[in-house]
Amino acid sequence: MRKDIYGGLKNALEKGEPLEKAIRSFINAGYPELEVKEAAKSLEMGAMPMVSNTVNNKNSGSLPNPTIAVSPPPKLKKLKTQSSKRLGKIILLIIILLLLISIFTLGFIFRESIITFIENIIS
């Protein structure tokens, strides 16, 4: 089994991709179906690959590396912190908006009383 296939499938699973979709991506990219399925089987069983990156295939030099195997897994903790801060700001803005609407409505309803009160203070 090849480490690059195993690593690519593992990265795809960490990103939330279904295993079948990742397998299909590798096969479509030109990797041998048998090696991809072997790597997927060992990944499902939790086994670590024990062989090197070499292949007994004469076309192995022309196989592309999938982008799935290269990109690092996302930092979920940072994303959760950012989204919770954004949610807090949205809630604060909604509360301020409701408060301003309430003040405006009460001012409109009691406008005569407010005008009379201000006139009494001035005179």
Protein backbone atom coordinates (compact mmCIF):
# COMPACT_ATOMS: atom_id res chain seq x y z
CA MET A 1 0.00 0.00 0.00
CA ARG A 2 1.22 3.51 -0.82
CA LYS A 3 1.54 6.15 1.88
CA ASP A 4 0.47 8.96 -0.44
CA ILE A 5 -2.84 7.28 -1.22
CA TYR A 6 -3.39 6.44 2.44
CA GLY A 7 -2.54 10.02 3.49
CA GLY A 8 -4.80 11.51 0.83
CA LEU A 9 -7.74 9.37 1.88
CA LYS A 10 -7.11 10.20 5.53
CA ASN A 11 -7.03 13.95 4.75
CA ALA A 12 -10.26 13.67 2.80
CA LEU A 13 -11.97 11.98 5.75
CA GLU A 14 -10.66 14.65 8.16
CA LYS A 15 -12.23 17.29 5.93
CA GLY A 16 -15.58 15.52 6.11
CA GLU A 17 -15.56 13.97 2.64
CA PRO A 18 -17.24 10.58 2.28
CA LEU A 19 -14.75 7.75 1.82
CA GLU A 20 -16.40 6.56 -1.39
CA LYS A 21 -16.03 10.02 -2.95
CA ALA A 22 -12.35 10.17 -2.01
CA ILE A 23 -11.77 6.68 -3.43
CA ARG A 24 -13.47 7.68 -6.67
CA SER A 25 -11.30 10.85 -6.86
CA PHE A 26 -8.09 8.84 -6.61
CA ILE A 27 -9.22 6.30 -9.18
CA ASN A 28 -10.32 9.09 -11.55
CA ALA A 29 -6.92 10.75 -11.07
CA GLY A 30 -5.24 7.64 -12.47
CA TYR A 31 -4.23 5.72 -9.37
CA PRO A 32 -4.64 1.94 -9.58
CA GLU A 33 -8.04 0.91 -8.23
CA LEU A 34 -6.60 -2.04 -6.31
CA GLU A 35 -4.10 0.14 -4.43
CA VAL A 36 -6.70 2.79 -3.63
CA LYS A 37 -9.15 0.21 -2.28
CA GLU A 38 -6.37 -1.45 -0.30
CA ALA A 39 -5.47 1.88 1.31
CA ALA A 40 -9.14 2.58 2.04
CA LYS A 41 -9.56 -0.84 3.65
CA SER A 42 -6.56 -0.33 5.92
CA LEU A 43 -7.83 3.16 6.77
CA GLU A 44 -11.22 1.76 7.77
CA MET A 45 -9.50 -0.84 9.95
CA GLY A 46 -7.32 1.84 11.58
CA ALA A 47 -4.07 0.31 10.34
CA MET A 48 -1.10 2.51 9.54
CA PRO A 49 0.71 1.99 6.23
CA MET A 50 3.95 0.04 6.57
CA VAL A 51 5.34 0.34 3.05
CA SER A 52 7.10 3.17 1.32
CA ASN A 53 5.93 5.41 -1.48
CA THR A 54 7.13 2.98 -4.15
CA VAL A 55 4.85 1.15 -6.54
CA ASN A 56 5.27 -1.94 -8.70
CA ASN A 57 3.50 -0.22 -11.58
CA LYS A 58 5.34 0.90 -14.72
CA ASN A 59 3.05 3.97 -15.06
CA SER A 60 3.72 5.19 -11.52
CA GLY A 61 5.98 8.03 -12.64
CA SER A 62 3.16 9.72 -14.53
CA LEU A 63 0.51 9.56 -11.81
CA PRO A 64 -0.56 12.95 -10.49
CA ASN A 65 -0.65 13.80 -6.81
CA PRO A 66 -4.20 14.68 -5.80
CA THR A 67 -4.78 18.02 -4.12
CA ILE A 68 -6.55 16.23 -1.28
CA ALA A 69 -3.26 14.78 -0.06
CA VAL A 70 -1.47 18.13 0.02
CA SER A 71 -3.80 20.47 1.88
CA PRO A 72 -3.68 20.54 5.70
CA PRO A 73 -6.75 19.78 7.82
CA PRO A 74 -8.80 22.82 8.88
CA LYS A 75 -8.41 24.29 12.34
CA LEU A 76 -11.86 23.70 13.78
CA LYS A 77 -11.18 25.35 17.13
CA LYS A 78 -10.27 28.65 15.46
CA LEU A 79 -13.38 28.50 13.27
CA LYS A 80 -15.63 27.87 16.28
CA THR A 81 -14.10 30.83 18.15
CA GLN A 82 -14.59 33.16 15.20
CA SER A 83 -18.19 32.10 14.63
CA SER A 84 -19.07 32.45 18.33
CA LYS A 85 -17.61 35.99 18.38
CA ARG A 86 -19.57 36.86 15.25
CA LEU A 87 -22.77 35.45 16.77
CA GLY A 88 -22.23 37.53 19.93
CA LYS A 89 -21.85 40.72 17.87
CA ILE A 90 -25.01 39.97 15.91
CA ILE A 91 -27.02 39.40 19.09
CA LEU A 92 -25.69 42.67 20.58
CA LEU A 93 -26.67 44.61 17.45
CA ILE A 94 -30.17 43.10 17.47
CA ILE A 95 -30.64 44.11 21.12
CA ILE A 96 -29.50 47.68 20.39
CA LEU A 97 -31.83 47.86 17.38
CA LEU A 98 -34.82 46.67 19.43
CA LEU A 99 -33.98 49.16 22.17
CA LEU A 100 -33.85 52.07 19.70
CA ILE A 101 -37.14 51.02 18.08
CA SER A 102 -38.76 50.85 21.53
CA ILE A 103 -37.49 54.33 22.48
CA PHE A 104 -38.71 55.79 19.18
CA THR A 105 -42.15 54.16 19.56
CA LEU A 106 -42.57 55.38 23.16
CA GLY A 107 -41.47 58.87 22.14
CA PHE A 108 -44.07 58.91 19.38
CA ILE A 109 -46.86 57.66 21.68
CA PHE A 110 -46.07 60.08 24.53
CA ARG A 111 -44.91 63.03 22.39
CA GLU A 112 -47.46 65.49 23.86
CA SER A 113 -46.51 64.61 27.43
CA ILE A 114 -42.82 64.92 26.61
CA ILE A 115 -43.32 68.34 24.95
CA THR A 116 -45.36 69.56 27.96
CA PHE A 117 -42.69 68.29 30.37
CA ILE A 118 -39.89 70.06 28.47
CA GLU A 119 -41.92 73.32 28.28
CA ASN A 120 -42.43 73.20 32.07
CA ILE A 121 -38.69 72.75 32.63
CA ILE A 122 -37.76 75.63 30.31
CA SER A 123 -40.25 78.17 31.69
